mmCIF file of all heavy atoms, coordinates in Angstrom:
data_MODEL
# 
_entry.id   MODEL 
# 
loop_
_atom_site.group_PDB 
_atom_site.id 
_atom_site.type_symbol 
_atom_site.label_atom_id 
_atom_site.label_alt_id 
_atom_site.label_comp_id 
_atom_site.label_asym_id 
_atom_site.label_entity_id 
_atom_site.label_seq_id 
_atom_site.pdbx_PDB_ins_code 
_atom_site.Cartn_x 
_atom_site.Cartn_y 
_atom_site.Cartn_z 
_atom_site.occupancy 
_atom_site.B_iso_or_equiv 
_atom_site.pdbx_formal_charge 
_atom_site.auth_seq_id 
_atom_site.auth_comp_id 
_atom_site.auth_asym_id 
_atom_site.auth_atom_id 
_atom_site.pdbx_PDB_model_num 
ATOM 1   N N   . GLU A 1 1  ? 0.259   -2.348 10.329  1.00 0.00 ? 1  GLU A N   1 
ATOM 2   C CA  . GLU A 1 1  ? -0.877  -2.058 11.219  1.00 0.00 ? 1  GLU A CA  1 
ATOM 3   C C   . GLU A 1 1  ? -1.992  -1.322 10.469  1.00 0.00 ? 1  GLU A C   1 
ATOM 4   O O   . GLU A 1 1  ? -3.135  -1.432 10.657  1.00 0.00 ? 1  GLU A O   1 
ATOM 5   C CB  . GLU A 1 1  ? -0.309  -1.203 12.410  1.00 0.00 ? 1  GLU A CB  1 
ATOM 6   C CG  . GLU A 1 1  ? -1.432  -1.045 13.376  1.00 0.00 ? 1  GLU A CG  1 
ATOM 7   C CD  . GLU A 1 1  ? -1.158  -0.209 14.562  1.00 0.00 ? 1  GLU A CD  1 
ATOM 8   O OE1 . GLU A 1 1  ? 0.191   -0.042 14.862  1.00 0.00 ? 1  GLU A OE1 1 
ATOM 9   O OE2 . GLU A 1 1  ? -1.977  0.113  15.354  1.00 0.00 ? 1  GLU A OE2 1 
ATOM 10  N N   . ARG A 1 2  ? -1.520  -0.476 9.497   1.00 0.00 ? 2  ARG A N   1 
ATOM 11  C CA  . ARG A 1 2  ? -2.541  0.234  8.698   1.00 0.00 ? 2  ARG A CA  1 
ATOM 12  C C   . ARG A 1 2  ? -2.099  0.387  7.255   1.00 0.00 ? 2  ARG A C   1 
ATOM 13  O O   . ARG A 1 2  ? -0.973  0.764  6.953   1.00 0.00 ? 2  ARG A O   1 
ATOM 14  C CB  . ARG A 1 2  ? -2.776  1.679  9.349   1.00 0.00 ? 2  ARG A CB  1 
ATOM 15  C CG  . ARG A 1 2  ? -3.232  1.610  10.822  1.00 0.00 ? 2  ARG A CG  1 
ATOM 16  C CD  . ARG A 1 2  ? -3.391  3.081  11.253  1.00 0.00 ? 2  ARG A CD  1 
ATOM 17  N NE  . ARG A 1 2  ? -3.475  2.951  12.763  1.00 0.00 ? 2  ARG A NE  1 
ATOM 18  C CZ  . ARG A 1 2  ? -2.892  3.817  13.500  1.00 0.00 ? 2  ARG A CZ  1 
ATOM 19  N NH1 . ARG A 1 2  ? -2.189  4.842  13.044  1.00 0.00 ? 2  ARG A NH1 1 
ATOM 20  N NH2 . ARG A 1 2  ? -2.969  3.619  14.876  1.00 0.00 ? 2  ARG A NH2 1 
ATOM 21  N N   . VAL A 1 3  ? -3.017  0.225  6.324   1.00 0.00 ? 3  VAL A N   1 
ATOM 22  C CA  . VAL A 1 3  ? -2.939  0.474  4.916   1.00 0.00 ? 3  VAL A CA  1 
ATOM 23  C C   . VAL A 1 3  ? -4.232  1.083  4.525   1.00 0.00 ? 3  VAL A C   1 
ATOM 24  O O   . VAL A 1 3  ? -5.197  0.342  4.529   1.00 0.00 ? 3  VAL A O   1 
ATOM 25  C CB  . VAL A 1 3  ? -2.638  -0.793 4.008   1.00 0.00 ? 3  VAL A CB  1 
ATOM 26  C CG1 . VAL A 1 3  ? -2.724  -0.363 2.550   1.00 0.00 ? 3  VAL A CG1 1 
ATOM 27  C CG2 . VAL A 1 3  ? -1.408  -1.370 4.394   1.00 0.00 ? 3  VAL A CG2 1 
ATOM 28  N N   . TYR A 1 4  ? -4.365  2.315  4.362   1.00 0.00 ? 4  TYR A N   1 
ATOM 29  C CA  . TYR A 1 4  ? -5.568  3.039  4.003   1.00 0.00 ? 4  TYR A CA  1 
ATOM 30  C C   . TYR A 1 4  ? -5.391  3.979  2.788   1.00 0.00 ? 4  TYR A C   1 
ATOM 31  O O   . TYR A 1 4  ? -4.326  4.590  2.674   1.00 0.00 ? 4  TYR A O   1 
ATOM 32  C CB  . TYR A 1 4  ? -6.060  3.886  5.201   1.00 0.00 ? 4  TYR A CB  1 
ATOM 33  C CG  . TYR A 1 4  ? -6.607  2.945  6.259   1.00 0.00 ? 4  TYR A CG  1 
ATOM 34  C CD1 . TYR A 1 4  ? -5.900  2.841  7.476   1.00 0.00 ? 4  TYR A CD1 1 
ATOM 35  C CD2 . TYR A 1 4  ? -7.859  2.372  6.269   1.00 0.00 ? 4  TYR A CD2 1 
ATOM 36  C CE1 . TYR A 1 4  ? -6.376  2.083  8.587   1.00 0.00 ? 4  TYR A CE1 1 
ATOM 37  C CE2 . TYR A 1 4  ? -8.372  1.713  7.231   1.00 0.00 ? 4  TYR A CE2 1 
ATOM 38  C CZ  . TYR A 1 4  ? -7.652  1.435  8.501   1.00 0.00 ? 4  TYR A CZ  1 
ATOM 39  O OH  . TYR A 1 4  ? -8.091  0.589  9.492   1.00 0.00 ? 4  TYR A OH  1 
ATOM 40  N N   . VAL A 1 5  ? -6.389  3.934  1.979   1.00 0.00 ? 5  VAL A N   1 
ATOM 41  C CA  . VAL A 1 5  ? -6.394  4.682  0.671   1.00 0.00 ? 5  VAL A CA  1 
ATOM 42  C C   . VAL A 1 5  ? -7.804  5.454  0.569   1.00 0.00 ? 5  VAL A C   1 
ATOM 43  O O   . VAL A 1 5  ? -8.735  4.819  0.908   1.00 0.00 ? 5  VAL A O   1 
ATOM 44  C CB  . VAL A 1 5  ? -6.135  3.821  -0.493  1.00 0.00 ? 5  VAL A CB  1 
ATOM 45  C CG1 . VAL A 1 5  ? -6.134  4.711  -1.780  1.00 0.00 ? 5  VAL A CG1 1 
ATOM 46  C CG2 . VAL A 1 5  ? -4.814  3.087  -0.360  1.00 0.00 ? 5  VAL A CG2 1 
ATOM 47  N N   . LEU A 1 6  ? -7.693  6.633  0.244   1.00 0.00 ? 6  LEU A N   1 
ATOM 48  C CA  . LEU A 1 6  ? -8.942  7.410  0.107   1.00 0.00 ? 6  LEU A CA  1 
ATOM 49  C C   . LEU A 1 6  ? -9.786  6.562  -1.014  1.00 0.00 ? 6  LEU A C   1 
ATOM 50  O O   . LEU A 1 6  ? -9.217  6.180  -2.033  1.00 0.00 ? 6  LEU A O   1 
ATOM 51  C CB  . LEU A 1 6  ? -8.758  8.862  -0.536  1.00 0.00 ? 6  LEU A CB  1 
ATOM 52  C CG  . LEU A 1 6  ? -8.025  9.900  0.543   1.00 0.00 ? 6  LEU A CG  1 
ATOM 53  C CD1 . LEU A 1 6  ? -7.640  11.144 -0.206  1.00 0.00 ? 6  LEU A CD1 1 
ATOM 54  C CD2 . LEU A 1 6  ? -9.005  10.220 1.701   1.00 0.00 ? 6  LEU A CD2 1 
ATOM 55  N N   . LYS A 1 7  ? -11.043 6.706  -0.734  1.00 0.00 ? 7  LYS A N   1 
ATOM 56  C CA  . LYS A 1 7  ? -12.093 5.880  -1.479  1.00 0.00 ? 7  LYS A CA  1 
ATOM 57  C C   . LYS A 1 7  ? -11.899 6.179  -3.012  1.00 0.00 ? 7  LYS A C   1 
ATOM 58  O O   . LYS A 1 7  ? -12.005 5.321  -3.803  1.00 0.00 ? 7  LYS A O   1 
ATOM 59  C CB  . LYS A 1 7  ? -13.493 6.049  -1.003  1.00 0.00 ? 7  LYS A CB  1 
ATOM 60  C CG  . LYS A 1 7  ? -14.447 4.908  -1.371  1.00 0.00 ? 7  LYS A CG  1 
ATOM 61  C CD  . LYS A 1 7  ? -15.715 5.052  -0.549  1.00 0.00 ? 7  LYS A CD  1 
ATOM 62  C CE  . LYS A 1 7  ? -16.234 3.747  -0.290  1.00 0.00 ? 7  LYS A CE  1 
ATOM 63  N NZ  . LYS A 1 7  ? -17.307 3.773  0.739   1.00 0.00 ? 7  LYS A NZ  1 
ATOM 64  N N   . GLU A 1 8  ? -11.906 7.456  -3.274  1.00 0.00 ? 8  GLU A N   1 
ATOM 65  C CA  . GLU A 1 8  ? -11.852 7.912  -4.674  1.00 0.00 ? 8  GLU A CA  1 
ATOM 66  C C   . GLU A 1 8  ? -10.622 7.317  -5.535  1.00 0.00 ? 8  GLU A C   1 
ATOM 67  O O   . GLU A 1 8  ? -10.592 7.441  -6.652  1.00 0.00 ? 8  GLU A O   1 
ATOM 68  C CB  . GLU A 1 8  ? -11.896 9.399  -4.774  1.00 0.00 ? 8  GLU A CB  1 
ATOM 69  C CG  . GLU A 1 8  ? -10.720 10.138 -4.338  1.00 0.00 ? 8  GLU A CG  1 
ATOM 70  C CD  . GLU A 1 8  ? -10.876 11.587 -4.355  1.00 0.00 ? 8  GLU A CD  1 
ATOM 71  O OE1 . GLU A 1 8  ? -10.756 12.336 -5.387  1.00 0.00 ? 8  GLU A OE1 1 
ATOM 72  O OE2 . GLU A 1 8  ? -11.160 12.195 -3.291  1.00 0.00 ? 8  GLU A OE2 1 
ATOM 73  N N   . PHE A 1 9  ? -9.539  6.870  -4.829  1.00 0.00 ? 9  PHE A N   1 
ATOM 74  C CA  . PHE A 1 9  ? -8.400  6.325  -5.421  1.00 0.00 ? 9  PHE A CA  1 
ATOM 75  C C   . PHE A 1 9  ? -8.353  4.801  -5.368  1.00 0.00 ? 9  PHE A C   1 
ATOM 76  O O   . PHE A 1 9  ? -7.343  4.209  -5.774  1.00 0.00 ? 9  PHE A O   1 
ATOM 77  C CB  . PHE A 1 9  ? -7.069  6.942  -4.752  1.00 0.00 ? 9  PHE A CB  1 
ATOM 78  C CG  . PHE A 1 9  ? -7.115  8.360  -5.060  1.00 0.00 ? 9  PHE A CG  1 
ATOM 79  C CD1 . PHE A 1 9  ? -7.535  9.310  -4.109  1.00 0.00 ? 9  PHE A CD1 1 
ATOM 80  C CD2 . PHE A 1 9  ? -6.705  8.914  -6.267  1.00 0.00 ? 9  PHE A CD2 1 
ATOM 81  C CE1 . PHE A 1 9  ? -7.553  10.747 -4.343  1.00 0.00 ? 9  PHE A CE1 1 
ATOM 82  C CE2 . PHE A 1 9  ? -6.600  10.181 -6.564  1.00 0.00 ? 9  PHE A CE2 1 
ATOM 83  C CZ  . PHE A 1 9  ? -6.995  11.216 -5.605  1.00 0.00 ? 9  PHE A CZ  1 
ATOM 84  N N   . HIS A 1 10 ? -9.459  4.139  -4.792  1.00 0.00 ? 10 HIS A N   1 
ATOM 85  C CA  . HIS A 1 10 ? -9.388  2.591  -4.924  1.00 0.00 ? 10 HIS A CA  1 
ATOM 86  C C   . HIS A 1 10 ? -9.407  2.142  -6.282  1.00 0.00 ? 10 HIS A C   1 
ATOM 87  O O   . HIS A 1 10 ? -9.866  2.848  -7.127  1.00 0.00 ? 10 HIS A O   1 
ATOM 88  C CB  . HIS A 1 10 ? -10.658 2.190  -4.240  1.00 0.00 ? 10 HIS A CB  1 
ATOM 89  C CG  . HIS A 1 10 ? -10.705 2.296  -2.737  1.00 0.00 ? 10 HIS A CG  1 
ATOM 90  N ND1 . HIS A 1 10 ? -11.517 1.666  -1.895  1.00 0.00 ? 10 HIS A ND1 1 
ATOM 91  C CD2 . HIS A 1 10 ? -9.823  2.849  -1.872  1.00 0.00 ? 10 HIS A CD2 1 
ATOM 92  C CE1 . HIS A 1 10 ? -11.211 1.818  -0.570  1.00 0.00 ? 10 HIS A CE1 1 
ATOM 93  N NE2 . HIS A 1 10 ? -10.270 2.712  -0.519  1.00 0.00 ? 10 HIS A NE2 1 
ATOM 94  N N   . GLY A 1 11 ? -8.645  1.047  -6.616  1.00 0.00 ? 11 GLY A N   1 
ATOM 95  C CA  . GLY A 1 11 ? -8.644  0.538  -7.907  1.00 0.00 ? 11 GLY A CA  1 
ATOM 96  C C   . GLY A 1 11 ? -7.444  1.120  -8.720  1.00 0.00 ? 11 GLY A C   1 
ATOM 97  O O   . GLY A 1 11 ? -7.252  0.781  -9.848  1.00 0.00 ? 11 GLY A O   1 
ATOM 98  N N   . MET A 1 12 ? -6.806  1.977  -8.122  1.00 0.00 ? 12 MET A N   1 
ATOM 99  C CA  . MET A 1 12 ? -5.642  2.695  -8.853  1.00 0.00 ? 12 MET A CA  1 
ATOM 100 C C   . MET A 1 12 ? -4.157  2.079  -8.340  1.00 0.00 ? 12 MET A C   1 
ATOM 101 O O   . MET A 1 12 ? -3.183  2.692  -8.586  1.00 0.00 ? 12 MET A O   1 
ATOM 102 C CB  . MET A 1 12 ? -5.584  4.068  -8.602  1.00 0.00 ? 12 MET A CB  1 
ATOM 103 C CG  . MET A 1 12 ? -6.858  4.746  -9.214  1.00 0.00 ? 12 MET A CG  1 
ATOM 104 S SD  . MET A 1 12 ? -7.045  6.544  -8.913  1.00 0.00 ? 12 MET A SD  1 
ATOM 105 C CE  . MET A 1 12 ? -5.863  7.120  -10.116 1.00 0.00 ? 12 MET A CE  1 
ATOM 106 N N   . HIS A 1 13 ? -4.230  0.895  -7.724  1.00 0.00 ? 13 HIS A N   1 
ATOM 107 C CA  . HIS A 1 13 ? -3.013  0.261  -7.198  1.00 0.00 ? 13 HIS A CA  1 
ATOM 108 C C   . HIS A 1 13 ? -2.206  0.920  -6.198  1.00 0.00 ? 13 HIS A C   1 
ATOM 109 O O   . HIS A 1 13 ? -1.122  0.619  -5.937  1.00 0.00 ? 13 HIS A O   1 
ATOM 110 C CB  . HIS A 1 13 ? -2.079  -0.074 -8.406  1.00 0.00 ? 13 HIS A CB  1 
ATOM 111 C CG  . HIS A 1 13 ? -2.833  -0.881 -9.521  1.00 0.00 ? 13 HIS A CG  1 
ATOM 112 N ND1 . HIS A 1 13 ? -3.294  -2.127 -9.464  1.00 0.00 ? 13 HIS A ND1 1 
ATOM 113 C CD2 . HIS A 1 13 ? -3.240  -0.489 -10.784 1.00 0.00 ? 13 HIS A CD2 1 
ATOM 114 C CE1 . HIS A 1 13 ? -3.871  -2.483 -10.392 1.00 0.00 ? 13 HIS A CE1 1 
ATOM 115 N NE2 . HIS A 1 13 ? -3.922  -1.513 -11.254 1.00 0.00 ? 13 HIS A NE2 1 
ATOM 116 N N   . VAL A 1 14 ? -2.997  1.856  -5.384  1.00 0.00 ? 14 VAL A N   1 
ATOM 117 C CA  . VAL A 1 14 ? -2.263  2.635  -4.300  1.00 0.00 ? 14 VAL A CA  1 
ATOM 118 C C   . VAL A 1 14 ? -1.898  1.637  -3.208  1.00 0.00 ? 14 VAL A C   1 
ATOM 119 O O   . VAL A 1 14 ? -0.865  1.527  -2.624  1.00 0.00 ? 14 VAL A O   1 
ATOM 120 C CB  . VAL A 1 14 ? -3.055  3.811  -3.842  1.00 0.00 ? 14 VAL A CB  1 
ATOM 121 C CG1 . VAL A 1 14 ? -2.425  4.623  -2.703  1.00 0.00 ? 14 VAL A CG1 1 
ATOM 122 C CG2 . VAL A 1 14 ? -3.382  4.809  -5.013  1.00 0.00 ? 14 VAL A CG2 1 
ATOM 123 N N   . GLY A 1 15 ? -2.925  0.897  -2.802  1.00 0.00 ? 15 GLY A N   1 
ATOM 124 C CA  . GLY A 1 15 ? -2.876  -0.096 -1.732  1.00 0.00 ? 15 GLY A CA  1 
ATOM 125 C C   . GLY A 1 15 ? -1.685  -1.031 -2.047  1.00 0.00 ? 15 GLY A C   1 
ATOM 126 O O   . GLY A 1 15 ? -0.811  -1.454 -1.101  1.00 0.00 ? 15 GLY A O   1 
ATOM 127 N N   . ARG A 1 16 ? -1.616  -1.570 -3.345  1.00 0.00 ? 16 ARG A N   1 
ATOM 128 C CA  . ARG A 1 16 ? -0.502  -2.456 -3.720  1.00 0.00 ? 16 ARG A CA  1 
ATOM 129 C C   . ARG A 1 16 ? 0.762   -1.770 -3.561  1.00 0.00 ? 16 ARG A C   1 
ATOM 130 O O   . ARG A 1 16 ? 1.737   -2.508 -3.042  1.00 0.00 ? 16 ARG A O   1 
ATOM 131 C CB  . ARG A 1 16 ? -0.826  -2.853 -5.235  1.00 0.00 ? 16 ARG A CB  1 
ATOM 132 C CG  . ARG A 1 16 ? 0.219   -3.647 -5.797  1.00 0.00 ? 16 ARG A CG  1 
ATOM 133 C CD  . ARG A 1 16 ? 0.267   -5.130 -5.286  1.00 0.00 ? 16 ARG A CD  1 
ATOM 134 N NE  . ARG A 1 16 ? 1.302   -5.855 -5.914  1.00 0.00 ? 16 ARG A NE  1 
ATOM 135 C CZ  . ARG A 1 16 ? 1.959   -6.808 -5.350  1.00 0.00 ? 16 ARG A CZ  1 
ATOM 136 N NH1 . ARG A 1 16 ? 1.559   -7.292 -4.099  1.00 0.00 ? 16 ARG A NH1 1 
ATOM 137 N NH2 . ARG A 1 16 ? 2.888   -7.404 -5.810  1.00 0.00 ? 16 ARG A NH2 1 
ATOM 138 N N   . MET A 1 17 ? 1.022   -0.504 -3.811  1.00 0.00 ? 17 MET A N   1 
ATOM 139 C CA  . MET A 1 17 ? 2.195   0.176  -3.776  1.00 0.00 ? 17 MET A CA  1 
ATOM 140 C C   . MET A 1 17 ? 2.654   0.289  -2.259  1.00 0.00 ? 17 MET A C   1 
ATOM 141 O O   . MET A 1 17 ? 3.793   0.194  -1.879  1.00 0.00 ? 17 MET A O   1 
ATOM 142 C CB  . MET A 1 17 ? 2.152   1.587  -4.484  1.00 0.00 ? 17 MET A CB  1 
ATOM 143 C CG  . MET A 1 17 ? 2.188   1.432  -5.836  1.00 0.00 ? 17 MET A CG  1 
ATOM 144 S SD  . MET A 1 17 ? 2.036   3.131  -6.774  1.00 0.00 ? 17 MET A SD  1 
ATOM 145 C CE  . MET A 1 17 ? 3.598   3.752  -6.332  1.00 0.00 ? 17 MET A CE  1 
ATOM 146 N N   . LEU A 1 18 ? 1.681   0.619  -1.523  1.00 0.00 ? 18 LEU A N   1 
ATOM 147 C CA  . LEU A 1 18 ? 1.972   0.698  -0.049  1.00 0.00 ? 18 LEU A CA  1 
ATOM 148 C C   . LEU A 1 18 ? 2.345   -0.687 0.512   1.00 0.00 ? 18 LEU A C   1 
ATOM 149 O O   . LEU A 1 18 ? 3.264   -0.767 1.376   1.00 0.00 ? 18 LEU A O   1 
ATOM 150 C CB  . LEU A 1 18 ? 0.722   1.218  0.720   1.00 0.00 ? 18 LEU A CB  1 
ATOM 151 C CG  . LEU A 1 18 ? 0.458   2.694  0.509   1.00 0.00 ? 18 LEU A CG  1 
ATOM 152 C CD1 . LEU A 1 18 ? -0.962  3.124  0.982   1.00 0.00 ? 18 LEU A CD1 1 
ATOM 153 C CD2 . LEU A 1 18 ? 1.505   3.640  1.039   1.00 0.00 ? 18 LEU A CD2 1 
ATOM 154 N N   . LEU A 1 19 ? 1.597   -1.779 -0.011  1.00 0.00 ? 19 LEU A N   1 
ATOM 155 C CA  . LEU A 1 19 ? 1.908   -3.120 0.548   1.00 0.00 ? 19 LEU A CA  1 
ATOM 156 C C   . LEU A 1 19 ? 3.368   -3.520 0.100   1.00 0.00 ? 19 LEU A C   1 
ATOM 157 O O   . LEU A 1 19 ? 4.214   -4.120 0.815   1.00 0.00 ? 19 LEU A O   1 
ATOM 158 C CB  . LEU A 1 19 ? 1.050   -3.981 -0.130  1.00 0.00 ? 19 LEU A CB  1 
ATOM 159 C CG  . LEU A 1 19 ? 0.902   -5.484 0.387   1.00 0.00 ? 19 LEU A CG  1 
ATOM 160 C CD1 . LEU A 1 19 ? 0.668   -5.511 1.861   1.00 0.00 ? 19 LEU A CD1 1 
ATOM 161 C CD2 . LEU A 1 19 ? -0.092  -6.244 -0.305  1.00 0.00 ? 19 LEU A CD2 1 
ATOM 162 N N   . GLU A 1 20 ? 3.816   -3.143 -1.214  1.00 0.00 ? 20 GLU A N   1 
ATOM 163 C CA  . GLU A 1 20 ? 5.061   -3.300 -1.663  1.00 0.00 ? 20 GLU A CA  1 
ATOM 164 C C   . GLU A 1 20 ? 6.105   -2.564 -0.863  1.00 0.00 ? 20 GLU A C   1 
ATOM 165 O O   . GLU A 1 20 ? 7.290   -3.173 -0.569  1.00 0.00 ? 20 GLU A O   1 
ATOM 166 C CB  . GLU A 1 20 ? 5.204   -3.005 -3.038  1.00 0.00 ? 20 GLU A CB  1 
ATOM 167 C CG  . GLU A 1 20 ? 4.543   -3.935 -4.113  1.00 0.00 ? 20 GLU A CG  1 
ATOM 168 C CD  . GLU A 1 20 ? 4.387   -3.515 -5.487  1.00 0.00 ? 20 GLU A CD  1 
ATOM 169 O OE1 . GLU A 1 20 ? 4.733   -2.252 -5.741  1.00 0.00 ? 20 GLU A OE1 1 
ATOM 170 O OE2 . GLU A 1 20 ? 3.821   -4.220 -6.339  1.00 0.00 ? 20 GLU A OE2 1 
ATOM 171 N N   . LYS A 1 21 ? 5.771   -1.413 -0.382  1.00 0.00 ? 21 LYS A N   1 
ATOM 172 C CA  . LYS A 1 21 ? 6.647   -0.709 0.509   1.00 0.00 ? 21 LYS A CA  1 
ATOM 173 C C   . LYS A 1 21 ? 6.946   -1.417 1.829   1.00 0.00 ? 21 LYS A C   1 
ATOM 174 O O   . LYS A 1 21 ? 8.161   -1.544 2.249   1.00 0.00 ? 21 LYS A O   1 
ATOM 175 C CB  . LYS A 1 21 ? 6.197   0.717  0.696   1.00 0.00 ? 21 LYS A CB  1 
ATOM 176 C CG  . LYS A 1 21 ? 7.207   1.514  1.595   1.00 0.00 ? 21 LYS A CG  1 
ATOM 177 C CD  . LYS A 1 21 ? 8.447   1.816  0.931   1.00 0.00 ? 21 LYS A CD  1 
ATOM 178 C CE  . LYS A 1 21 ? 9.372   2.690  1.762   1.00 0.00 ? 21 LYS A CE  1 
ATOM 179 N NZ  . LYS A 1 21 ? 10.685  2.921  1.069   1.00 0.00 ? 21 LYS A NZ  1 
ATOM 180 N N   . ALA A 1 22 ? 5.895   -1.830 2.363   1.00 0.00 ? 22 ALA A N   1 
ATOM 181 C CA  . ALA A 1 22 ? 5.966   -2.744 3.666   1.00 0.00 ? 22 ALA A CA  1 
ATOM 182 C C   . ALA A 1 22 ? 6.936   -3.979 3.404   1.00 0.00 ? 22 ALA A C   1 
ATOM 183 O O   . ALA A 1 22 ? 7.755   -4.277 4.306   1.00 0.00 ? 22 ALA A O   1 
ATOM 184 C CB  . ALA A 1 22 ? 4.685   -3.095 4.179   1.00 0.00 ? 22 ALA A CB  1 
ATOM 185 N N   . ILE A 1 23 ? 6.615   -4.657 2.283   1.00 0.00 ? 23 ILE A N   1 
ATOM 186 C CA  . ILE A 1 23 ? 7.477   -5.819 2.031   1.00 0.00 ? 23 ILE A CA  1 
ATOM 187 C C   . ILE A 1 23 ? 8.907   -5.447 1.761   1.00 0.00 ? 23 ILE A C   1 
ATOM 188 O O   . ILE A 1 23 ? 9.890   -6.231 2.274   1.00 0.00 ? 23 ILE A O   1 
ATOM 189 C CB  . ILE A 1 23 ? 6.816   -6.565 0.839   1.00 0.00 ? 23 ILE A CB  1 
ATOM 190 C CG1 . ILE A 1 23 ? 5.519   -7.089 1.282   1.00 0.00 ? 23 ILE A CG1 1 
ATOM 191 C CG2 . ILE A 1 23 ? 7.790   -7.693 0.337   1.00 0.00 ? 23 ILE A CG2 1 
ATOM 192 C CD1 . ILE A 1 23 ? 4.540   -7.624 0.045   1.00 0.00 ? 23 ILE A CD1 1 
ATOM 193 N N   . GLU A 1 24 ? 9.179   -4.372 1.132   1.00 0.00 ? 24 GLU A N   1 
ATOM 194 C CA  . GLU A 1 24 ? 10.544  -3.912 0.947   1.00 0.00 ? 24 GLU A CA  1 
ATOM 195 C C   . GLU A 1 24 ? 11.244  -3.614 2.326   1.00 0.00 ? 24 GLU A C   1 
ATOM 196 O O   . GLU A 1 24 ? 12.321  -3.994 2.571   1.00 0.00 ? 24 GLU A O   1 
ATOM 197 C CB  . GLU A 1 24 ? 10.467  -2.609 0.154   1.00 0.00 ? 24 GLU A CB  1 
ATOM 198 C CG  . GLU A 1 24 ? 11.856  -1.771 -0.077  1.00 0.00 ? 24 GLU A CG  1 
ATOM 199 C CD  . GLU A 1 24 ? 11.575  -0.386 -0.660  1.00 0.00 ? 24 GLU A CD  1 
ATOM 200 O OE1 . GLU A 1 24 ? 10.751  -0.393 -1.652  1.00 0.00 ? 24 GLU A OE1 1 
ATOM 201 O OE2 . GLU A 1 24 ? 12.249  0.521  -0.141  1.00 0.00 ? 24 GLU A OE2 1 
ATOM 202 N N   . LEU A 1 25 ? 10.472  -2.987 3.218   1.00 0.00 ? 25 LEU A N   1 
ATOM 203 C CA  . LEU A 1 25 ? 10.994  -2.648 4.554   1.00 0.00 ? 25 LEU A CA  1 
ATOM 204 C C   . LEU A 1 25 ? 11.261  -3.938 5.328   1.00 0.00 ? 25 LEU A C   1 
ATOM 205 O O   . LEU A 1 25 ? 12.294  -3.983 5.967   1.00 0.00 ? 25 LEU A O   1 
ATOM 206 C CB  . LEU A 1 25 ? 10.019  -1.819 5.292   1.00 0.00 ? 25 LEU A CB  1 
ATOM 207 C CG  . LEU A 1 25 ? 9.822   -0.355 4.804   1.00 0.00 ? 25 LEU A CG  1 
ATOM 208 C CD1 . LEU A 1 25 ? 8.588   0.270  5.383   1.00 0.00 ? 25 LEU A CD1 1 
ATOM 209 C CD2 . LEU A 1 25 ? 11.062  0.478  5.008   1.00 0.00 ? 25 LEU A CD2 1 
ATOM 210 N N   . ALA A 1 26 ? 10.361  -4.861 5.180   1.00 0.00 ? 26 ALA A N   1 
ATOM 211 C CA  . ALA A 1 26 ? 10.523  -6.238 5.894   1.00 0.00 ? 26 ALA A CA  1 
ATOM 212 C C   . ALA A 1 26 ? 11.716  -6.902 5.391   1.00 0.00 ? 26 ALA A C   1 
ATOM 213 O O   . ALA A 1 26 ? 12.594  -7.452 6.124   1.00 0.00 ? 26 ALA A O   1 
ATOM 214 C CB  . ALA A 1 26 ? 9.318   -7.026 5.684   1.00 0.00 ? 26 ALA A CB  1 
ATOM 215 N N   . ASN A 1 27 ? 12.031  -6.913 4.083   1.00 0.00 ? 27 ASN A N   1 
ATOM 216 C CA  . ASN A 1 27 ? 13.073  -7.596 3.469   1.00 0.00 ? 27 ASN A CA  1 
ATOM 217 C C   . ASN A 1 27 ? 14.441  -6.877 3.887   1.00 0.00 ? 27 ASN A C   1 
ATOM 218 O O   . ASN A 1 27 ? 15.374  -7.421 4.149   1.00 0.00 ? 27 ASN A O   1 
ATOM 219 C CB  . ASN A 1 27 ? 13.004  -7.537 1.960   1.00 0.00 ? 27 ASN A CB  1 
ATOM 220 C CG  . ASN A 1 27 ? 12.067  -8.707 1.483   1.00 0.00 ? 27 ASN A CG  1 
ATOM 221 O OD1 . ASN A 1 27 ? 12.025  -9.788 2.065   1.00 0.00 ? 27 ASN A OD1 1 
ATOM 222 N ND2 . ASN A 1 27 ? 11.378  -8.390 0.397   1.00 0.00 ? 27 ASN A ND2 1 
ATOM 223 N N   . SER A 1 28 ? 14.463  -5.485 3.948   1.00 0.00 ? 28 SER A N   1 
ATOM 224 C CA  . SER A 1 28 ? 15.574  -4.854 4.462   1.00 0.00 ? 28 SER A CA  1 
ATOM 225 C C   . SER A 1 28 ? 15.966  -5.085 5.981   1.00 0.00 ? 28 SER A C   1 
ATOM 226 O O   . SER A 1 28 ? 17.065  -4.929 6.292   1.00 0.00 ? 28 SER A O   1 
ATOM 227 C CB  . SER A 1 28 ? 15.371  -3.277 4.166   1.00 0.00 ? 28 SER A CB  1 
ATOM 228 O OG  . SER A 1 28 ? 14.564  -2.821 5.170   1.00 0.00 ? 28 SER A OG  1 
# 
């Protein structure tokens, strides 16, 4: 439903890490 990262941290793969967490949860 939500993946949000503070603007100053865009480009640091934070969104990717959060997305990977969601995929990990879905697989579990």
